[in-house]
């Protein structure tokens, strides 16, 4: 009997997942394989172990309290404090006060949603509050204490209700969307042979397709969680290196963003696309917002504050990624690297996108920012700021410890930046 049980009451589905994971190096890819995984990985046909206790009318026979909790049954692992392939969140007990979440996927770690930061108490330095719910997408996963946003009842720039936001609001759990040999995307046709997300993924051919990037929903996608308008944009063209959840102290993890990411984000945030039109106050983004010659020159020249001696062949940083403006998967696969071998900066077809400044899941900063968008200094006197250094003004440390601040830079050392490094907005705008 011990063979078919595991901590937490999960059933045979857990062992099916492990057996599948053992056959392929990337365990998440092994289970999903670019499309529908084993049914018993997410559904419990007879509710034999009552995993959905407390869930109202569980007509889907989910093996968890809600869809988000089912996803985190595999994508969160208690005791795992170091980056580990498909994990997207750190368990509560593994990130005590003063210590950061540990997962370093390009999208970030949902654990930051549970980190609240306060600093100051008025006076010369002022004070502030950075609640966890401001740090990214507030997924609902009651089994792991992830709750809806308490302040924003709908998506910024859109109408998607916060209390319906789940992992499956963005990712199709059944993986029906597929990319065909000609580059088109659909939900029926040539069967999915494997994931299409990685540089090691096979190419689609006449009689077989591959899954779209990260199982994202496409045109017509909607879930039972929200009876609203279906998606109007297909998943973006993008390729991830096979090794993507890692520290970046020895080199960047470069996801090759090709085209369509901002347009896809606009499925839920339509008023932010391309700046939202005349009179809009949001930063322009999208395929029609090509980087200007000045911005390209700035990006390629900018190294750190005060240093504009960079080269276009080595200027790329995953802290400020851009879209290449292409859906050529051969090119994207050559760009998607974690060994530093693809470090070229933007060319004339490149454009800014939502993910140039934000992480898709969550980060240690407000609005899921890749860096602190609300401070004049990112590095102060040669060190990452933190409350454990009394010489740093509270308006700069902003309630974080030095360890927490460094983790938001994916463990880069402070020496990767200037002694008094300013905002990474300067990567494109080169004010300092």
Protein backbone atom coordinates (compact mmCIF):
# COMPACT_ATOMS: atom_id res chain seq x y z
CA UNK A 1 0.00 0.00 0.00
CA UNK A 2 2.84 2.40 0.68
CA UNK A 3 3.68 2.45 -3.02
CA UNK A 4 0.41 4.22 -3.80
CA UNK A 5 0.33 6.87 -1.11
CA UNK A 6 2.25 10.04 -0.43
CA UNK A 7 2.18 12.93 2.05
CA UNK A 8 -0.82 15.21 1.72
CA UNK A 9 -3.29 12.53 0.71
CA UNK A 10 -2.60 12.68 -3.04
CA UNK A 11 -3.16 9.41 -4.82
CA UNK A 12 -1.91 7.29 -7.68
CA UNK A 13 -1.80 10.49 -9.75
CA UNK A 14 1.37 11.52 -7.90
CA UNK A 15 3.20 8.36 -8.91
CA UNK A 16 2.02 8.63 -12.47
CA UNK A 17 3.52 12.10 -12.51
CA UNK A 18 6.84 10.89 -11.12
CA UNK A 19 7.06 8.04 -13.59
CA UNK A 20 6.43 10.44 -16.45
CA UNK A 21 8.97 12.89 -15.07
CA UNK A 22 11.62 10.20 -14.92
CA UNK A 23 11.41 9.68 -18.67
CA UNK A 24 12.29 13.26 -19.65
CA UNK A 25 14.78 15.70 -18.16
CA UNK A 26 12.21 18.48 -17.73
CA UNK A 27 9.56 17.05 -15.44
CA UNK A 28 6.87 19.63 -16.21
CA UNK A 29 7.30 18.99 -19.91
CA UNK A 30 7.17 15.25 -19.24
CA UNK A 31 3.75 15.49 -17.63
CA UNK A 32 2.14 17.98 -19.98
CA UNK A 33 4.17 17.07 -23.10
CA UNK A 34 2.86 20.23 -24.72
CA UNK A 35 -0.76 19.15 -24.40
CA UNK A 36 -3.13 17.19 -22.19
CA UNK A 37 -1.41 15.28 -19.39
CA UNK A 38 -2.71 12.16 -17.67
CA UNK A 39 -6.31 12.77 -16.60
CA UNK A 40 -5.62 11.39 -13.10
CA UNK A 41 -2.86 13.95 -12.66
CA UNK A 42 -5.50 16.62 -12.02
CA UNK A 43 -8.80 14.76 -11.56
CA UNK A 44 -9.78 12.15 -8.99
CA UNK A 45 -12.40 10.01 -10.67
CA UNK A 46 -14.05 8.69 -7.51
CA UNK A 47 -12.98 11.21 -4.89
CA UNK A 48 -11.57 8.25 -2.95
CA UNK A 49 -9.17 10.46 -1.00
CA UNK A 50 -11.54 13.44 -0.62
CA UNK A 51 -8.88 15.98 -1.69
CA UNK A 52 -11.53 18.54 -2.61
CA UNK A 53 -13.00 18.88 0.85
CA UNK A 54 -14.42 22.35 1.22
CA UNK A 55 -14.82 22.87 -2.50
CA UNK A 56 -18.36 23.76 -3.56
CA UNK A 57 -19.98 21.47 -6.11
CA UNK A 58 -16.79 19.97 -7.51
CA UNK A 59 -18.35 18.89 -10.79
CA UNK A 60 -14.91 18.74 -12.42
CA UNK A 61 -13.76 16.09 -9.91
CA UNK A 62 -10.62 18.11 -9.30
CA UNK A 63 -8.01 16.54 -7.07
CA UNK A 64 -7.64 19.74 -5.07
CA UNK A 65 -9.56 22.55 -3.42
CA UNK A 66 -9.62 24.67 -6.60
CA UNK A 67 -7.86 24.78 -10.00
CA UNK A 68 -4.94 26.86 -8.72
CA UNK A 69 -4.31 24.43 -5.86
CA UNK A 70 -4.32 21.51 -8.31
CA UNK A 71 -1.61 23.24 -10.35
CA UNK A 72 0.47 23.98 -7.27
CA UNK A 73 0.26 20.36 -6.13
CA UNK A 74 3.03 19.80 -8.69
CA UNK A 75 4.44 23.30 -9.18
CA UNK A 76 5.18 23.99 -5.49
CA UNK A 77 7.29 21.70 -3.33
CA UNK A 78 7.72 22.23 0.40
CA UNK A 79 11.36 22.08 1.48
CA UNK A 80 12.68 23.17 -1.91
CA UNK A 81 14.48 26.46 -1.33
CA UNK A 82 16.67 26.38 -4.43
CA UNK A 83 15.58 26.86 -8.05
CA UNK A 84 14.12 23.64 -9.42
CA UNK A 85 12.87 23.29 -13.01
CA UNK A 86 9.07 23.61 -13.12
CA UNK A 87 8.43 25.04 -9.63
CA UNK A 88 6.79 28.47 -9.68
CA UNK A 89 6.21 29.16 -5.98
CA UNK A 90 8.02 28.74 -2.66
CA UNK A 91 6.21 27.21 0.31
CA UNK A 92 5.39 29.51 3.23
CA UNK A 93 7.71 27.73 5.66
CA UNK A 94 10.64 28.02 3.26
CA UNK A 95 10.65 31.84 3.16
CA UNK A 96 10.53 33.10 6.77
CA UNK A 97 10.65 36.81 7.54
CA UNK A 98 13.71 38.42 5.97
CA UNK A 99 14.35 35.56 3.55
CA UNK A 100 13.23 35.62 -0.08
CA UNK A 101 11.37 33.04 -2.15
CA UNK A 102 13.75 30.69 -3.95
CA UNK A 103 12.41 30.00 -7.44
CA UNK A 104 14.00 31.95 -10.29
CA UNK A 105 11.93 31.22 -13.36
CA UNK A 106 11.76 34.06 -15.91
CA UNK A 107 8.16 34.64 -14.78
CA UNK A 108 9.12 34.93 -11.10
CA UNK A 109 7.99 33.25 -7.88
CA UNK A 110 4.41 33.57 -6.64
CA UNK A 111 5.81 33.47 -3.10
CA UNK A 112 6.47 37.21 -3.35
CA UNK A 113 2.69 37.72 -3.12
CA UNK A 114 2.97 36.81 0.57
CA UNK A 115 5.79 39.24 1.36
CA UNK A 116 4.59 42.52 2.86
CA UNK A 117 7.09 45.34 3.37
CA UNK A 118 6.81 48.48 5.51
CA UNK A 119 9.38 51.16 6.10
CA UNK A 120 9.76 54.48 7.82
CA UNK A 121 7.31 56.29 10.03
CA UNK A 122 7.11 59.75 8.56
CA UNK A 123 9.61 62.53 9.02
CA UNK A 124 12.48 63.27 6.68
CA UNK A 125 12.71 59.81 5.22
CA UNK A 126 8.97 59.30 5.02
CA UNK A 127 7.41 55.88 5.12
CA UNK A 128 5.79 53.42 2.83
CA UNK A 129 4.05 50.10 2.37
CA UNK A 130 4.51 47.49 -0.32
CA UNK A 131 1.86 44.80 0.25
CA UNK A 132 2.37 41.38 -1.23
CA UNK A 133 -0.74 41.63 -3.34
CA UNK A 134 0.91 44.44 -5.33
CA UNK A 135 3.81 42.18 -6.34
CA UNK A 136 2.17 40.37 -9.23
CA UNK A 137 -0.81 38.34 -10.39
CA UNK A 138 -2.83 37.30 -7.33
CA UNK A 139 -3.79 33.76 -8.24
CA UNK A 140 -6.48 32.04 -6.20
CA UNK A 141 -5.21 28.78 -4.71
CA UNK A 142 -6.89 28.29 -1.37
CA UNK A 143 -5.02 25.08 -0.62
CA UNK A 144 -1.79 27.09 -0.53
CA UNK A 145 -3.13 30.36 0.96
CA UNK A 146 -3.11 32.36 -2.26
CA UNK A 147 -6.06 34.77 -2.22
CA UNK A 148 -7.68 37.29 -4.57
CA UNK A 149 -6.53 40.88 -4.67
CA UNK A 150 -8.40 42.74 -1.93
CA UNK A 151 -8.14 46.17 -3.54
CA UNK A 152 -8.52 45.67 -7.28
CA UNK A 153 -11.67 43.79 -8.18
CA UNK A 154 -10.83 43.62 -11.89
CA UNK A 155 -7.66 43.40 -13.95
CA UNK A 156 -5.93 46.77 -14.42
CA UNK A 157 -6.88 48.03 -17.86
CA UNK A 158 -9.57 45.38 -18.23
CA UNK A 159 -12.60 43.65 -16.75
CA UNK A 160 -11.37 40.19 -15.72
CA UNK A 161 -12.54 39.68 -12.09
CA UNK A 162 -9.81 39.25 -9.50
CA UNK A 163 -11.65 36.55 -7.61
CA UNK A 164 -11.63 34.37 -10.74
CA UNK A 165 -7.90 34.69 -11.42
CA UNK A 166 -6.25 31.28 -11.40
CA UNK A 167 -3.36 29.55 -13.10
CA UNK A 168 -5.83 28.32 -15.69
CA UNK A 169 -6.93 31.87 -16.44
CA UNK A 170 -3.78 32.11 -18.56
CA UNK A 171 -2.64 28.51 -19.07
CA UNK A 172 -4.92 26.00 -20.77
CA UNK A 173 -4.85 22.97 -18.43
CA UNK A 174 -5.89 20.68 -21.24
CA UNK A 175 -3.30 22.06 -23.64
CA UNK A 176 -5.52 22.13 -26.70
CA UNK A 177 -3.68 24.97 -28.44
CA UNK A 178 -1.06 23.78 -30.90
CA UNK A 179 1.35 25.24 -33.43
CA UNK A 180 1.38 23.77 -36.92
CA UNK A 181 4.20 23.52 -39.44
CA UNK A 182 3.11 26.69 -41.23
CA UNK A 183 3.16 28.67 -37.97
CA UNK A 184 -0.60 28.91 -37.51
CA UNK A 185 -2.26 28.03 -34.18
CA UNK A 186 -5.43 26.04 -33.59
CA UNK A 187 -7.14 23.67 -31.19
CA UNK A 188 -7.81 20.77 -33.57
CA UNK A 189 -5.84 19.09 -36.33
CA UNK A 190 -2.46 17.39 -36.38
CA UNK A 191 -1.85 15.82 -32.93
CA UNK A 192 0.57 17.38 -30.47
CA UNK A 193 3.79 15.38 -30.31
CA UNK A 194 5.61 17.38 -27.64
CA UNK A 195 6.06 20.76 -25.99
CA UNK A 196 6.94 23.59 -28.33
CA UNK A 197 8.29 25.85 -25.57
CA UNK A 198 11.98 24.95 -25.59
CA UNK A 199 15.10 25.27 -27.72
CA UNK A 200 15.23 21.45 -27.62
CA UNK A 201 11.58 21.04 -28.74
CA UNK A 202 10.95 19.28 -32.05
CA UNK A 203 9.61 21.25 -34.98
CA UNK A 204 6.05 20.66 -36.14
CA UNK A 205 5.57 18.80 -39.42
CA UNK A 206 2.70 17.97 -41.74
CA UNK A 207 1.22 15.22 -39.57
CA UNK A 208 2.20 16.47 -36.11
CA UNK A 209 2.07 19.73 -34.20
CA UNK A 210 3.72 21.02 -31.01
CA UNK A 211 2.20 22.73 -28.01
CA UNK A 212 2.12 26.51 -27.87
CA UNK A 213 4.39 28.45 -25.54
CA UNK A 214 3.74 27.49 -21.92
CA UNK A 215 0.27 26.06 -22.67
CA UNK A 216 -1.12 29.59 -22.92
CA UNK A 217 -4.72 30.01 -24.01
CA UNK A 218 -5.41 31.44 -27.45
CA UNK A 219 -8.26 32.83 -29.51
CA UNK A 220 -11.60 31.72 -28.11
CA UNK A 221 -10.11 30.56 -24.79
CA UNK A 222 -12.17 30.96 -21.64
CA UNK A 223 -12.66 28.94 -18.50
CA UNK A 224 -15.62 28.04 -16.31
CA UNK A 225 -14.18 30.40 -13.70
CA UNK A 226 -15.37 33.47 -15.60
CA UNK A 227 -18.33 33.75 -17.92
CA UNK A 228 -16.90 36.70 -19.83
CA UNK A 229 -15.48 37.44 -23.24
CA UNK A 230 -13.10 34.82 -24.67
CA UNK A 231 -9.52 35.63 -25.64
CA UNK A 232 -9.03 37.47 -28.90
CA UNK A 233 -5.26 36.93 -29.30
CA UNK A 234 -3.29 33.73 -29.78
CA UNK A 235 -0.24 32.77 -27.67
CA UNK A 236 2.96 34.64 -28.49
CA UNK A 237 5.96 33.38 -30.43
CA UNK A 238 8.60 32.60 -27.81
CA UNK A 239 11.19 29.95 -26.92
CA UNK A 240 12.72 29.20 -23.54
CA UNK A 241 16.07 27.52 -22.97
CA UNK A 242 15.63 24.03 -21.54
CA UNK A 243 17.36 25.16 -18.36
CA UNK A 244 15.47 28.23 -17.24
CA UNK A 245 14.94 28.15 -13.46
CA UNK A 246 18.40 29.17 -12.31
CA UNK A 247 20.54 31.81 -10.68
CA UNK A 248 21.89 34.41 -13.08
CA UNK A 249 25.07 35.35 -11.24
CA UNK A 250 27.13 33.59 -13.91
CA UNK A 251 25.06 34.54 -16.96
CA UNK A 252 21.60 35.48 -18.13
CA UNK A 253 18.72 33.14 -18.80
CA UNK A 254 17.60 34.37 -22.19
CA UNK A 255 14.05 33.58 -23.21
CA UNK A 256 13.73 34.39 -26.90
CA UNK A 257 10.65 36.59 -27.01
CA UNK A 258 9.65 36.78 -30.65
CA UNK A 259 6.31 38.48 -31.18
CA UNK A 260 2.85 38.92 -29.73
CA UNK A 261 3.38 39.01 -25.97
CA UNK A 262 1.80 42.40 -25.29
CA UNK A 263 -1.06 41.53 -27.63
CA UNK A 264 -1.61 38.34 -25.65
CA UNK A 265 -1.49 40.21 -22.30
CA UNK A 266 -4.16 42.50 -23.75
CA UNK A 267 -6.61 39.60 -23.60
CA UNK A 268 -7.09 40.76 -20.00
CA UNK A 269 -5.45 44.23 -20.06
CA UNK A 270 -6.71 45.71 -23.35
CA UNK A 271 -6.44 49.38 -22.39
CA UNK A 272 -2.69 49.04 -21.86
CA UNK A 273 -1.86 47.78 -25.35
CA UNK A 274 0.37 50.14 -27.34
CA UNK A 275 -0.19 52.80 -24.71
CA UNK A 276 -3.97 52.61 -24.95
CA UNK A 277 -4.34 55.21 -27.71
CA UNK A 278 -4.49 59.01 -27.68
CA UNK A 279 -4.19 60.58 -24.28
CA UNK A 280 -3.23 57.33 -22.57
CA UNK A 281 -0.79 57.41 -19.67
CA UNK A 282 0.66 53.90 -19.93
CA UNK A 283 4.00 53.08 -21.52
CA UNK A 284 3.66 52.10 -25.20
CA UNK A 285 4.09 48.37 -25.83
CA UNK A 286 3.41 45.88 -28.58
CA UNK A 287 4.48 44.83 -32.03
CA UNK A 288 3.71 48.21 -33.56
CA UNK A 289 5.96 49.99 -31.05
CA UNK A 290 9.35 49.36 -32.61
CA UNK A 291 12.34 50.60 -30.68
CA UNK A 292 13.60 53.87 -32.08
CA UNK A 293 17.15 54.25 -33.33
CA UNK A 294 18.00 56.25 -30.22
CA UNK A 295 16.58 53.59 -27.89
CA UNK A 296 18.45 50.82 -29.73
CA UNK A 297 21.66 52.85 -29.48
CA UNK A 298 21.04 53.45 -25.77
CA UNK A 299 20.28 49.79 -25.04
CA UNK A 300 23.40 48.59 -26.82
CA UNK A 301 25.68 51.19 -25.27
CA UNK A 302 24.36 51.10 -21.71
CA UNK A 303 26.34 48.92 -19.30
CA UNK A 304 25.61 50.46 -15.89
CA UNK A 305 25.00 53.95 -14.55
CA UNK A 306 27.70 56.22 -15.89
CA UNK A 307 29.01 53.67 -18.40
CA UNK A 308 27.86 53.84 -22.04
CA UNK A 309 30.74 51.87 -23.53
CA UNK A 310 28.74 48.73 -24.34
CA UNK A 311 28.62 46.77 -27.58
CA UNK A 312 25.56 45.55 -29.49
CA UNK A 313 27.04 42.03 -29.51
CA UNK A 314 27.01 41.74 -25.71
CA UNK A 315 24.36 44.21 -24.53
CA UNK A 316 21.47 41.86 -23.75
CA UNK A 317 20.22 41.56 -20.17
CA UNK A 318 17.29 39.45 -18.99
CA UNK A 319 16.53 42.22 -16.51
CA UNK A 320 15.32 44.29 -19.48
CA UNK A 321 14.31 41.86 -22.25
CA UNK A 322 12.74 42.89 -25.54
CA UNK A 323 10.79 41.27 -28.32
CA UNK A 324 12.83 40.46 -31.44
CA UNK A 325 9.88 41.10 -33.75
CA UNK A 326 9.92 37.69 -35.41
CA UNK A 327 8.08 34.36 -35.42
CA UNK A 328 10.99 32.51 -37.01
CA UNK A 329 11.38 29.59 -34.59
CA UNK A 330 14.72 28.58 -36.01
CA UNK A 331 16.08 31.99 -35.06
CA UNK A 332 14.31 31.99 -31.71
CA UNK A 333 15.78 28.60 -30.80
CA UNK A 334 19.26 29.92 -31.50
CA UNK A 335 18.58 32.94 -29.28
CA UNK A 336 17.19 30.99 -26.30
CA UNK A 337 20.27 30.23 -24.19
CA UNK A 338 21.39 30.04 -20.59
CA UNK A 339 25.13 29.90 -21.27
CA UNK A 340 25.72 33.49 -22.36
CA UNK A 341 26.30 32.52 -25.97
CA UNK A 342 23.39 34.67 -27.24
CA UNK A 343 23.95 38.15 -25.86
CA UNK A 344 23.21 40.41 -28.83
CA UNK A 345 21.08 43.45 -28.25
CA UNK A 346 18.06 44.68 -30.22
CA UNK A 347 17.91 45.34 -33.93
CA UNK A 348 15.54 47.52 -35.98
CA UNK A 349 12.63 45.02 -35.74
CA UNK A 350 12.72 44.83 -31.94
CA UNK A 351 9.96 46.25 -29.78
CA UNK A 352 9.15 46.89 -26.16
CA UNK A 353 6.63 44.54 -24.55
CA UNK A 354 4.91 44.12 -21.20
CA UNK A 355 7.59 41.70 -20.02
CA UNK A 356 10.35 44.23 -20.70
CA UNK A 357 9.53 45.72 -17.30
CA UNK A 358 7.30 43.17 -15.54
CA UNK A 359 7.51 39.51 -14.59
CA UNK A 360 4.51 37.45 -15.66
CA UNK A 361 3.89 35.77 -12.27
CA UNK A 362 5.32 37.91 -9.46
CA UNK A 363 8.44 39.66 -8.22
CA UNK A 364 9.77 41.33 -5.09
CA UNK A 365 8.63 44.74 -6.31
CA UNK A 366 5.34 46.52 -6.86
CA UNK A 367 3.52 45.76 -10.11
CA UNK A 368 5.65 42.65 -10.62
CA UNK A 369 8.52 44.92 -11.66
CA UNK A 370 11.78 43.35 -12.71
CA UNK A 371 13.50 45.99 -10.61
CA UNK A 372 12.35 48.55 -8.03
CA UNK A 373 10.36 51.06 -10.05
CA UNK A 374 9.93 53.32 -7.00
CA UNK A 375 13.48 54.07 -5.92
CA UNK A 376 16.23 56.29 -7.30
CA UNK A 377 18.93 53.74 -6.37
CA UNK A 378 19.06 49.99 -7.00
CA UNK A 379 22.60 49.66 -5.62
CA UNK A 380 23.72 52.02 -2.87
CA UNK A 381 27.36 52.56 -1.95
CA UNK A 382 28.37 49.36 -3.72
CA UNK A 383 25.82 47.10 -2.03
CA UNK A 384 22.24 46.05 -2.58
CA UNK A 385 20.18 48.07 -0.10
CA UNK A 386 18.59 46.35 2.88
CA UNK A 387 17.20 47.07 6.32
CA UNK A 388 20.09 45.07 7.77
CA UNK A 389 22.39 47.97 6.77
CA UNK A 390 21.63 50.98 8.95
CA UNK A 391 23.60 53.30 6.68
CA UNK A 392 21.04 52.91 3.87
CA UNK A 393 18.13 55.38 3.94
CA UNK A 394 14.82 53.65 4.58
CA UNK A 395 13.34 55.18 1.41
CA UNK A 396 15.86 53.07 -0.54
CA UNK A 397 15.86 49.78 1.40
CA UNK A 398 12.04 49.92 1.50
CA UNK A 399 11.63 47.23 4.13
CA UNK A 400 13.54 44.50 2.31
CA UNK A 401 16.61 42.76 3.64
CA UNK A 402 19.73 42.73 1.51
CA UNK A 403 19.12 39.03 0.76
CA UNK A 404 15.61 39.78 -0.46
CA UNK A 405 16.83 42.61 -2.68
CA UNK A 406 19.60 40.52 -4.19
CA UNK A 407 17.17 37.69 -4.98
CA UNK A 408 15.10 40.06 -7.11
CA UNK A 409 18.24 40.42 -9.23
CA UNK A 410 18.37 36.63 -9.51
CA UNK A 411 21.48 36.46 -7.34
CA UNK A 412 23.59 38.78 -9.43
CA UNK A 413 26.29 40.36 -7.26
CA UNK A 414 26.08 44.11 -6.64
CA UNK A 415 29.38 44.44 -8.52
CA UNK A 416 27.41 43.72 -11.70
CA UNK A 417 26.16 47.28 -11.39
CA UNK A 418 27.50 50.74 -10.62
CA UNK A 419 28.39 51.78 -7.08
CA UNK A 420 25.29 53.96 -7.12
CA UNK A 421 23.17 52.20 -9.71
CA UNK A 422 19.98 53.93 -10.77
CA UNK A 423 16.81 52.61 -12.41
CA UNK A 424 17.09 50.14 -15.28
CA UNK A 425 14.70 52.34 -17.22
CA UNK A 426 18.01 53.87 -18.27
CA UNK A 427 18.85 50.74 -20.26
CA UNK A 428 16.57 52.21 -22.95
CA UNK A 429 16.49 55.88 -21.96
CA UNK A 430 20.11 56.37 -20.80
CA UNK A 431 19.50 59.29 -18.48
CA UNK A 432 22.13 57.88 -16.08
